[in-house]
């Protein structure tokens, strides 16, 4: 029974590496990731994309170490921080598209979807998310309770607070 489970796990891992590396190559062609991941060897394998995928796959083996809670906390907090940046970018992109349309005298009827809150909603979202980053930074730099500055504590608190707030603000 253990052999069947092991073969299944290897099969899933192989499929995940294959899919992820090919998706990265496709993303290179549309300009979403660096061109260095596009290198293909003589047999047609995207080696840089495979190595990149395997590197992040190795992070899963951190579960066997004694620092697994720390790694999970950092990765979880970083994902929250990037969620905030992603939604800020979405809001700013919406603002810029609407400005470009106004400058070119184009009608909003050309858009397949209109935001219910318009540009003001995007401005509001950008301001709230930026305020979140500033407040998270400030409370991480000067934590309540007056503890002295500590770089590791700063980043842990900053990323974690950003993660919690991003879960509340960003769907």
N, C-alpha and C. Protein backbone atom coordinates (compact mmCIF):
# COMPACT_ATOMS: atom_id res chain seq x y z
N UNK A 1 0.82 -1.19 0.00
CA UNK A 1 0.00 0.00 0.00
C UNK A 1 0.86 1.26 0.00
N UNK A 2 1.97 1.24 0.73
CA UNK A 2 2.86 2.41 0.75
C UNK A 2 3.44 2.70 -0.63
N UNK A 3 3.72 1.66 -1.38
CA UNK A 3 4.26 1.85 -2.74
C UNK A 3 3.24 2.56 -3.63
N UNK A 4 1.98 2.21 -3.50
CA UNK A 4 0.94 2.84 -4.30
C UNK A 4 0.83 4.32 -3.94
N UNK A 5 0.88 4.63 -2.66
CA UNK A 5 0.81 6.02 -2.21
C UNK A 5 2.02 6.79 -2.71
N UNK A 6 3.20 6.20 -2.61
CA UNK A 6 4.42 6.85 -3.06
C UNK A 6 4.38 7.12 -4.57
N UNK A 7 3.94 6.15 -5.34
CA UNK A 7 3.84 6.33 -6.79
C UNK A 7 2.83 7.42 -7.12
N UNK A 8 1.72 7.47 -6.40
CA UNK A 8 0.71 8.51 -6.62
C UNK A 8 1.27 9.89 -6.32
N UNK A 9 2.02 10.01 -5.24
CA UNK A 9 2.60 11.30 -4.87
C UNK A 9 3.61 11.74 -5.91
N UNK A 10 4.44 10.83 -6.38
CA UNK A 10 5.43 11.17 -7.41
C UNK A 10 4.73 11.57 -8.70
N UNK A 11 3.65 10.90 -9.03
CA UNK A 11 2.89 11.24 -10.23
C UNK A 11 2.30 12.64 -10.14
N UNK A 12 1.74 12.98 -9.00
CA UNK A 12 1.16 14.31 -8.81
C UNK A 12 2.26 15.37 -8.88
N UNK A 13 3.40 15.10 -8.24
CA UNK A 13 4.51 16.06 -8.25
C UNK A 13 5.02 16.26 -9.68
N UNK A 14 5.16 15.18 -10.43
CA UNK A 14 5.62 15.26 -11.81
C UNK A 14 4.64 16.08 -12.66
N UNK A 15 3.36 15.83 -12.48
CA UNK A 15 2.35 16.57 -13.22
C UNK A 15 2.37 18.06 -12.87
N UNK A 16 2.56 18.35 -11.59
CA UNK A 16 2.58 19.75 -11.15
C UNK A 16 3.79 20.49 -11.73
N UNK A 17 4.95 19.85 -11.72
CA UNK A 17 6.16 20.47 -12.28
C UNK A 17 6.00 20.66 -13.78
N UNK A 18 5.47 19.66 -14.46
CA UNK A 18 5.25 19.77 -15.91
C UNK A 18 4.33 20.93 -16.22
N UNK A 19 3.19 20.99 -15.55
CA UNK A 19 2.19 22.03 -15.82
C UNK A 19 2.71 23.41 -15.49
N UNK A 20 3.31 23.55 -14.31
CA UNK A 20 3.79 24.86 -13.87
C UNK A 20 4.89 25.40 -14.79
N UNK A 21 5.82 24.54 -15.16
CA UNK A 21 6.92 25.01 -16.02
C UNK A 21 6.42 25.41 -17.40
N UNK A 22 5.46 24.68 -17.94
CA UNK A 22 4.91 25.03 -19.26
C UNK A 22 4.08 26.31 -19.18
N UNK A 23 3.38 26.50 -18.08
CA UNK A 23 2.61 27.74 -17.89
C UNK A 23 3.56 28.93 -17.81
N UNK A 24 4.71 28.75 -17.15
CA UNK A 24 5.68 29.84 -17.06
C UNK A 24 6.21 30.21 -18.44
N UNK A 25 6.48 29.22 -19.28
CA UNK A 25 6.95 29.50 -20.63
C UNK A 25 5.88 30.26 -21.41
N UNK A 26 4.62 29.85 -21.25
CA UNK A 26 3.53 30.58 -21.92
C UNK A 26 3.45 32.01 -21.41
N UNK A 27 3.69 32.21 -20.12
CA UNK A 27 3.65 33.55 -19.55
C UNK A 27 4.82 34.40 -20.06
N UNK A 28 5.95 33.77 -20.38
CA UNK A 28 7.07 34.50 -20.98
C UNK A 28 6.65 35.05 -22.33
N UNK A 29 5.92 34.25 -23.10
CA UNK A 29 5.53 34.66 -24.45
C UNK A 29 4.56 35.85 -24.45
N UNK A 30 3.78 35.99 -23.37
CA UNK A 30 2.88 37.14 -23.30
C UNK A 30 3.47 38.27 -22.46
N UNK A 31 4.69 38.06 -21.95
CA UNK A 31 5.40 39.13 -21.27
C UNK A 31 5.10 39.29 -19.79
N UNK A 32 4.61 38.25 -19.13
CA UNK A 32 4.28 38.35 -17.71
C UNK A 32 5.40 37.94 -16.77
N UNK A 33 6.35 37.19 -17.24
CA UNK A 33 7.48 36.77 -16.40
C UNK A 33 8.78 37.01 -17.15
N UNK A 34 9.91 37.02 -16.45
CA UNK A 34 11.19 37.30 -17.10
C UNK A 34 11.52 36.29 -18.21
N UNK A 35 12.19 36.78 -19.23
CA UNK A 35 12.53 35.96 -20.40
C UNK A 35 13.52 34.84 -20.08
N UNK A 36 14.21 34.94 -18.95
CA UNK A 36 15.19 33.91 -18.60
C UNK A 36 14.52 32.54 -18.41
N UNK A 37 13.24 32.54 -18.09
CA UNK A 37 12.52 31.28 -17.89
C UNK A 37 12.13 30.61 -19.20
N UNK A 38 12.45 31.24 -20.33
CA UNK A 38 12.06 30.74 -21.64
C UNK A 38 13.07 29.75 -22.23
N UNK A 39 14.24 29.61 -21.63
CA UNK A 39 15.29 28.75 -22.20
C UNK A 39 14.82 27.30 -22.26
N UNK A 40 14.91 26.73 -23.45
CA UNK A 40 14.49 25.35 -23.68
C UNK A 40 15.70 24.56 -24.16
N UNK A 41 15.90 23.35 -23.61
CA UNK A 41 17.05 22.53 -24.03
C UNK A 41 16.75 21.82 -25.35
N UNK A 42 17.69 21.00 -25.82
CA UNK A 42 17.56 20.35 -27.13
C UNK A 42 16.40 19.37 -27.19
N UNK A 43 15.95 18.88 -26.04
CA UNK A 43 14.83 17.94 -26.02
C UNK A 43 13.49 18.63 -25.84
N UNK A 44 13.49 19.97 -25.80
CA UNK A 44 12.26 20.72 -25.69
C UNK A 44 11.78 20.97 -24.28
N UNK A 45 12.63 20.75 -23.29
CA UNK A 45 12.24 20.97 -21.90
C UNK A 45 12.63 22.38 -21.47
N UNK A 46 11.72 23.11 -20.84
CA UNK A 46 12.04 24.45 -20.34
C UNK A 46 12.81 24.34 -19.02
N UNK A 47 14.13 24.20 -19.11
CA UNK A 47 14.93 23.87 -17.93
C UNK A 47 14.90 24.95 -16.86
N UNK A 48 15.00 26.22 -17.22
CA UNK A 48 14.99 27.26 -16.20
C UNK A 48 13.65 27.31 -15.47
N UNK A 49 12.57 27.13 -16.19
CA UNK A 49 11.26 27.11 -15.57
C UNK A 49 11.10 25.89 -14.67
N UNK A 50 11.65 24.75 -15.09
CA UNK A 50 11.58 23.54 -14.26
C UNK A 50 12.39 23.73 -12.99
N UNK A 51 13.59 24.30 -13.10
CA UNK A 51 14.42 24.54 -11.91
C UNK A 51 13.73 25.52 -10.97
N UNK A 52 13.15 26.57 -11.52
CA UNK A 52 12.42 27.55 -10.72
C UNK A 52 11.27 26.88 -9.98
N UNK A 53 10.51 26.04 -10.67
CA UNK A 53 9.39 25.32 -10.06
C UNK A 53 9.87 24.38 -8.97
N UNK A 54 10.94 23.65 -9.24
CA UNK A 54 11.47 22.70 -8.25
C UNK A 54 12.00 23.42 -7.02
N UNK A 55 12.58 24.61 -7.21
CA UNK A 55 13.07 25.38 -6.07
C UNK A 55 11.94 25.69 -5.10
N UNK A 56 10.82 26.16 -5.65
CA UNK A 56 9.69 26.47 -4.77
C UNK A 56 9.03 25.20 -4.24
N UNK A 57 9.14 24.11 -4.98
CA UNK A 57 8.65 22.84 -4.47
C UNK A 57 9.44 22.36 -3.26
N UNK A 58 10.73 22.71 -3.24
CA UNK A 58 11.55 22.33 -2.09
C UNK A 58 11.09 23.01 -0.81
N UNK A 59 10.44 24.13 -0.94
CA UNK A 59 9.92 24.80 0.26
C UNK A 59 8.93 23.92 1.01
N UNK A 60 8.27 23.01 0.30
CA UNK A 60 7.32 22.13 0.96
C UNK A 60 8.02 21.18 1.93
N UNK A 61 9.31 20.92 1.69
CA UNK A 61 10.03 20.04 2.59
C UNK A 61 10.45 20.73 3.88
N UNK A 62 10.19 22.00 3.96
CA UNK A 62 10.47 22.72 5.20
C UNK A 62 9.59 22.18 6.32
N UNK A 63 8.49 21.53 5.95
CA UNK A 63 7.58 20.97 6.95
C UNK A 63 8.28 19.97 7.85
N UNK A 64 9.36 19.38 7.39
CA UNK A 64 10.09 18.41 8.20
C UNK A 64 11.08 19.08 9.14
N UNK A 65 11.26 20.40 9.02
CA UNK A 65 12.24 21.06 9.88
C UNK A 65 11.58 21.59 11.14
N UNK A 66 12.39 22.07 12.04
CA UNK A 66 11.88 22.61 13.29
C UNK A 66 11.43 24.07 13.13
N UNK A 67 11.64 24.68 11.97
CA UNK A 67 11.26 26.08 11.71
C UNK A 67 10.03 26.19 10.83
N UNK A 68 9.24 25.14 10.76
CA UNK A 68 8.10 25.14 9.85
C UNK A 68 7.08 26.21 10.19
N UNK A 69 6.86 26.49 11.46
CA UNK A 69 5.90 27.53 11.84
C UNK A 69 6.38 28.91 11.37
N UNK A 70 7.68 29.15 11.48
CA UNK A 70 8.24 30.43 11.04
C UNK A 70 8.09 30.61 9.53
N UNK A 71 8.40 29.56 8.79
CA UNK A 71 8.29 29.64 7.33
C UNK A 71 6.84 29.86 6.92
N UNK A 72 5.93 29.13 7.55
CA UNK A 72 4.51 29.31 7.22
C UNK A 72 4.06 30.72 7.53
N UNK A 73 4.47 31.26 8.67
CA UNK A 73 4.09 32.62 9.05
C UNK A 73 4.60 33.62 8.02
N UNK A 74 5.86 33.48 7.62
CA UNK A 74 6.44 34.42 6.65
C UNK A 74 5.77 34.31 5.29
N UNK A 75 5.56 33.09 4.80
CA UNK A 75 4.94 32.93 3.48
C UNK A 75 3.49 33.42 3.50
N UNK A 76 2.78 33.14 4.57
CA UNK A 76 1.40 33.59 4.69
C UNK A 76 1.34 35.12 4.75
N UNK A 77 2.23 35.72 5.52
CA UNK A 77 2.24 37.17 5.64
C UNK A 77 2.64 37.84 4.33
N UNK A 78 3.60 37.27 3.63
CA UNK A 78 4.00 37.83 2.34
C UNK A 78 2.86 37.77 1.33
N UNK A 79 2.11 36.69 1.36
CA UNK A 79 0.99 36.59 0.42
C UNK A 79 -0.05 37.67 0.71
N UNK A 80 -0.25 37.99 1.98
CA UNK A 80 -1.17 39.08 2.33
C UNK A 80 -0.67 40.42 1.86
N UNK A 81 0.62 40.65 2.01
CA UNK A 81 1.20 41.92 1.56
C UNK A 81 1.07 42.06 0.05
N UNK A 82 1.33 40.99 -0.67
CA UNK A 82 1.20 41.05 -2.13
C UNK A 82 -0.25 41.20 -2.56
N UNK A 83 -1.19 40.71 -1.74
CA UNK A 83 -2.60 40.91 -2.04
C UNK A 83 -2.94 42.39 -2.00
N UNK A 84 -2.40 43.09 -1.01
CA UNK A 84 -2.62 44.53 -0.92
C UNK A 84 -2.05 45.24 -2.14
N UNK A 85 -0.82 44.89 -2.52
CA UNK A 85 -0.22 45.52 -3.70
C UNK A 85 -1.00 45.19 -4.97
N UNK A 86 -1.50 43.98 -5.07
CA UNK A 86 -2.26 43.59 -6.26
C UNK A 86 -3.53 44.42 -6.37
N UNK A 87 -4.27 44.58 -5.29
CA UNK A 87 -5.50 45.35 -5.34
C UNK A 87 -5.22 46.83 -5.55
N UNK A 88 -4.12 47.33 -5.00
CA UNK A 88 -3.75 48.72 -5.30
C UNK A 88 -3.48 48.88 -6.78
N UNK A 89 -2.79 47.92 -7.38
CA UNK A 89 -2.50 47.98 -8.81
C UNK A 89 -3.78 47.91 -9.64
N UNK A 90 -4.72 47.09 -9.22
CA UNK A 90 -6.00 47.01 -9.93
C UNK A 90 -6.72 48.35 -9.86
N UNK A 91 -6.77 48.95 -8.67
CA UNK A 91 -7.44 50.24 -8.53
C UNK A 91 -6.76 51.32 -9.36
N UNK A 92 -5.43 51.37 -9.31
CA UNK A 92 -4.70 52.37 -10.07
C UNK A 92 -4.85 52.15 -11.58
N UNK A 93 -4.90 50.91 -12.00
CA UNK A 93 -5.11 50.61 -13.42
C UNK A 93 -6.48 51.10 -13.87
N UNK A 94 -7.48 50.90 -13.04
CA UNK A 94 -8.82 51.37 -13.38
C UNK A 94 -8.84 52.89 -13.51
N UNK A 95 -8.18 53.56 -12.59
CA UNK A 95 -8.11 55.02 -12.64
C UNK A 95 -7.43 55.48 -13.93
N UNK A 96 -6.31 54.85 -14.26
CA UNK A 96 -5.56 55.25 -15.46
C UNK A 96 -6.33 54.95 -16.74
N UNK A 97 -7.04 53.83 -16.81
CA UNK A 97 -7.83 53.52 -18.00
C UNK A 97 -8.92 54.55 -18.19
N UNK A 98 -9.59 54.91 -17.11
CA UNK A 98 -10.65 55.90 -17.22
C UNK A 98 -10.10 57.27 -17.61
N UNK A 99 -8.91 57.63 -17.09
CA UNK A 99 -8.29 58.89 -17.48
C UNK A 99 -7.93 58.88 -18.96
N UNK A 100 -7.39 57.76 -19.44
CA UNK A 100 -7.01 57.65 -20.85
C UNK A 100 -8.25 57.74 -21.74
N UNK A 101 -9.33 57.12 -21.32
CA UNK A 101 -10.57 57.19 -22.12
C UNK A 101 -11.09 58.62 -22.17
N UNK A 102 -11.02 59.33 -21.06
CA UNK A 102 -11.49 60.72 -21.04
C UNK A 102 -10.62 61.60 -21.93
N UNK A 103 -9.31 61.36 -21.89
CA UNK A 103 -8.39 62.16 -22.69
C UNK A 103 -8.60 61.92 -24.19
N UNK A 104 -8.98 60.71 -24.56
CA UNK A 104 -9.20 60.37 -25.96
C UNK A 104 -10.65 60.59 -26.40
N UNK A 105 -11.45 61.17 -25.51
CA UNK A 105 -12.86 61.43 -25.79
C UNK A 105 -13.62 60.16 -26.19
N UNK A 106 -13.35 59.08 -25.50
CA UNK A 106 -14.03 57.82 -25.78
C UNK A 106 -15.16 57.63 -24.79
N UNK A 107 -16.21 57.01 -25.22
CA UNK A 107 -17.40 56.82 -24.40
C UNK A 107 -17.24 55.62 -23.46
N UNK A 108 -17.85 55.72 -22.31
CA UNK A 108 -17.84 54.60 -21.37
C UNK A 108 -18.72 53.45 -21.86
N UNK A 109 -19.53 53.71 -22.87
CA UNK A 109 -20.37 52.66 -23.45
C UNK A 109 -19.54 51.59 -24.14
N UNK A 110 -18.27 51.89 -24.44
CA UNK A 110 -17.39 50.93 -25.09
C UNK A 110 -16.93 49.84 -24.12
N UNK A 111 -17.02 50.11 -22.84
CA UNK A 111 -16.54 49.16 -21.83
C UNK A 111 -17.56 48.05 -21.61
N UNK A 112 -17.11 46.81 -21.50
CA UNK A 112 -18.05 45.71 -21.27
C UNK A 112 -18.58 45.69 -19.84
N UNK A 113 -17.86 46.35 -18.93
CA UNK A 113 -18.26 46.37 -17.53
C UNK A 113 -17.94 47.74 -16.95
N UNK A 114 -18.86 48.29 -16.19
CA UNK A 114 -18.63 49.56 -15.50
C UNK A 114 -18.66 49.31 -14.00
N UNK A 115 -17.69 49.87 -13.30
CA UNK A 115 -17.65 49.78 -11.85
C UNK A 115 -18.83 50.52 -11.26
N UNK A 116 -19.47 49.91 -10.26
CA UNK A 116 -20.64 50.55 -9.65
C UNK A 116 -20.25 51.84 -8.93
N UNK A 117 -19.04 51.90 -8.41
CA UNK A 117 -18.61 53.09 -7.68
C UNK A 117 -17.79 54.03 -8.55
N UNK A 118 -17.53 53.64 -9.78
CA UNK A 118 -16.78 54.50 -10.69
C UNK A 118 -15.34 54.70 -10.26
N UNK A 119 -14.76 55.78 -10.74
CA UNK A 119 -13.37 56.09 -10.42
C UNK A 119 -13.22 56.42 -8.94
N UNK A 120 -14.28 57.00 -8.34
CA UNK A 120 -14.19 57.36 -6.92
C UNK A 120 -13.99 56.13 -6.05
N UNK A 121 -14.60 55.04 -6.40
CA UNK A 121 -14.41 53.80 -5.65
C UNK A 121 -12.98 53.30 -5.73
N UNK A 122 -12.37 53.46 -6.91
CA UNK A 122 -10.97 53.06 -7.06
C UNK A 122 -10.05 53.98 -6.27
N UNK A 123 -10.36 55.28 -6.28
CA UNK A 123 -9.56 56.20 -5.46
C UNK A 123 -9.70 55.86 -3.98
N UNK A 124 -10.92 55.58 -3.55
CA UNK A 124 -11.17 55.21 -2.16
C UNK A 124 -10.38 53.94 -1.81
N UNK A 125 -10.45 52.93 -2.66
CA UNK A 125 -9.74 51.68 -2.41
C UNK A 125 -8.24 51.89 -2.33
N UNK A 126 -7.70 52.70 -3.23
CA UNK A 126 -6.26 52.97 -3.22
C UNK A 126 -5.85 53.68 -1.93
N UNK A 127 -6.64 54.67 -1.53
CA UNK A 127 -6.31 55.42 -0.31
C UNK A 127 -6.39 54.52 0.93
N UNK A 128 -7.43 53.69 1.00
CA UNK A 128 -7.57 52.80 2.16
C UNK A 128 -6.42 51.80 2.21
N UNK A 129 -6.06 51.22 1.08
CA UNK A 129 -4.98 50.24 1.07
C UNK A 129 -3.64 50.89 1.38
N UNK A 130 -3.40 52.09 0.84
CA UNK A 130 -2.16 52.79 1.16
C UNK A 130 -2.12 53.15 2.65
N UNK A 131 -3.25 53.59 3.19
CA UNK A 131 -3.33 53.90 4.62
C UNK A 131 -3.05 52.66 5.46
N UNK A 132 -3.53 51.51 4.99
CA UNK A 132 -3.26 50.25 5.67
C UNK A 132 -1.76 49.97 5.71
N UNK A 133 -1.09 50.17 4.58
CA UNK A 133 0.35 49.93 4.55
C UNK A 133 1.09 50.87 5.49
N UNK A 134 0.71 52.14 5.51
CA UNK A 134 1.35 53.12 6.38
C UNK A 134 1.11 52.76 7.85
N UNK A 135 -0.15 52.44 8.19
CA UNK A 135 -0.47 52.09 9.58
C UNK A 135 0.25 50.82 10.01
N UNK A 136 0.30 49.83 9.12
CA UNK A 136 1.01 48.58 9.44
C UNK A 136 2.49 48.85 9.65
N UNK A 137 3.06 49.68 8.79
CA UNK A 137 4.48 50.01 8.92
C UNK A 137 4.74 50.72 10.25
N UNK A 138 3.90 51.69 10.57
CA UNK A 138 4.09 52.48 11.78
C UNK A 138 3.96 51.62 13.04
N UNK A 139 2.91 50.80 13.11
CA UNK A 139 2.72 49.96 14.30
C UNK A 139 3.75 48.85 14.39
N UNK A 140 4.33 48.47 13.27
CA UNK A 140 5.40 47.46 13.30
C UNK A 140 6.71 48.09 13.74
N UNK A 141 6.95 49.33 13.34
CA UNK A 141 8.17 50.01 13.72
C UNK A 141 8.15 50.42 15.18
N UNK A 142 7.00 50.89 15.64
CA UNK A 142 6.84 51.31 17.04
C UNK A 142 5.70 50.52 17.66
N UNK A 143 5.94 49.25 18.05
CA UNK A 143 4.84 48.41 18.56
C UNK A 143 4.32 48.91 19.90
N UNK A 144 3.05 48.59 20.15
CA UNK A 144 2.46 48.94 21.43
C UNK A 144 3.17 48.17 22.53
N UNK A 145 3.35 48.77 23.66
CA UNK A 145 4.07 48.13 24.75
C UNK A 145 5.48 48.63 24.87
N UNK A 146 5.93 49.42 23.89
CA UNK A 146 7.23 50.06 23.96
C UNK A 146 8.43 49.16 23.90
N UNK A 147 8.34 48.01 23.21
CA UNK A 147 9.51 47.16 23.08
C UNK A 147 10.52 47.82 22.15
N UNK A 148 11.77 47.48 22.32
CA UNK A 148 12.81 48.09 21.48
C UNK A 148 12.70 47.57 20.05
N UNK A 149 13.31 48.29 19.14
CA UNK A 149 13.25 47.94 17.72
C UNK A 149 14.00 46.63 17.47
N UNK A 150 13.39 45.77 16.71
CA UNK A 150 13.97 44.49 16.35
C UNK A 150 13.58 44.21 14.90
N UNK A 151 14.57 43.99 14.04
CA UNK A 151 14.30 43.83 12.60
C UNK A 151 13.39 42.64 12.33
N UNK A 152 13.67 41.50 12.96
CA UNK A 152 12.86 40.32 12.70
C UNK A 152 11.43 40.54 13.18
N UNK A 153 11.27 41.13 14.36
CA UNK A 153 9.94 41.42 14.88
C UNK A 153 9.22 42.41 13.98
N UNK A 154 9.95 43.42 13.49
CA UNK A 154 9.34 44.41 12.60
C UNK A 154 8.73 43.74 11.37
N UNK A 155 9.52 42.92 10.67
CA UNK A 155 9.02 42.30 9.44
C UNK A 155 7.91 41.30 9.74
N UNK A 156 8.04 40.56 10.81
CA UNK A 156 7.00 39.60 11.16
C UNK A 156 5.68 40.31 11.43
N UNK A 157 5.72 41.37 12.23
CA UNK A 157 4.50 42.10 12.57
C UNK A 157 3.96 42.83 11.34
N UNK A 158 4.85 43.48 10.57
CA UNK A 158 4.41 44.24 9.40
C UNK A 158 3.70 43.34 8.40
N UNK A 159 4.33 42.21 8.10
CA UNK A 159 3.73 41.31 7.12
C UNK A 159 2.45 40.68 7.66
N UNK A 160 2.43 40.33 8.93
CA UNK A 160 1.26 39.68 9.50
C UNK A 160 0.08 40.65 9.58
N UNK A 161 0.32 41.87 10.02
CA UNK A 161 -0.76 42.86 10.09
C UNK A 161 -1.28 43.13 8.68
N UNK A 162 -0.38 43.27 7.71
CA UNK A 162 -0.81 43.49 6.33
C UNK A 162 -1.64 42.32 5.83
N UNK A 163 -1.24 41.12 6.21
CA UNK A 163 -1.98 39.93 5.78
C UNK A 163 -3.39 39.93 6.37
N UNK A 164 -3.49 40.23 7.65
CA UNK A 164 -4.81 40.23 8.29
C UNK A 164 -5.73 41.29 7.68
N UNK A 165 -5.19 42.47 7.47
CA UNK A 165 -6.01 43.55 6.92
C UNK A 165 -6.38 43.24 5.46
N UNK A 166 -5.46 42.64 4.71
CA UNK A 166 -5.77 42.31 3.32
C UNK A 166 -6.89 41.28 3.24
N UNK A 167 -6.94 40.37 4.23
CA UNK A 167 -8.03 39.39 4.23
C UNK A 167 -9.36 40.08 4.49
N UNK A 168 -9.36 41.14 5.27
CA UNK A 168 -10.59 41.86 5.56
C UNK A 168 -11.02 42.76 4.41
N UNK A 169 -10.04 43.46 3.79
CA UNK A 169 -10.36 44.47 2.78
C UNK A 169 -10.49 43.91 1.37
N UNK A 170 -9.70 42.90 1.06
CA UNK A 170 -9.63 42.42 -0.33
C UNK A 170 -10.28 41.05 -0.43
N UNK A 171 -11.31 40.92 -1.22
CA UNK A 171 -12.00 39.63 -1.36
C UNK A 171 -11.14 38.60 -2.06
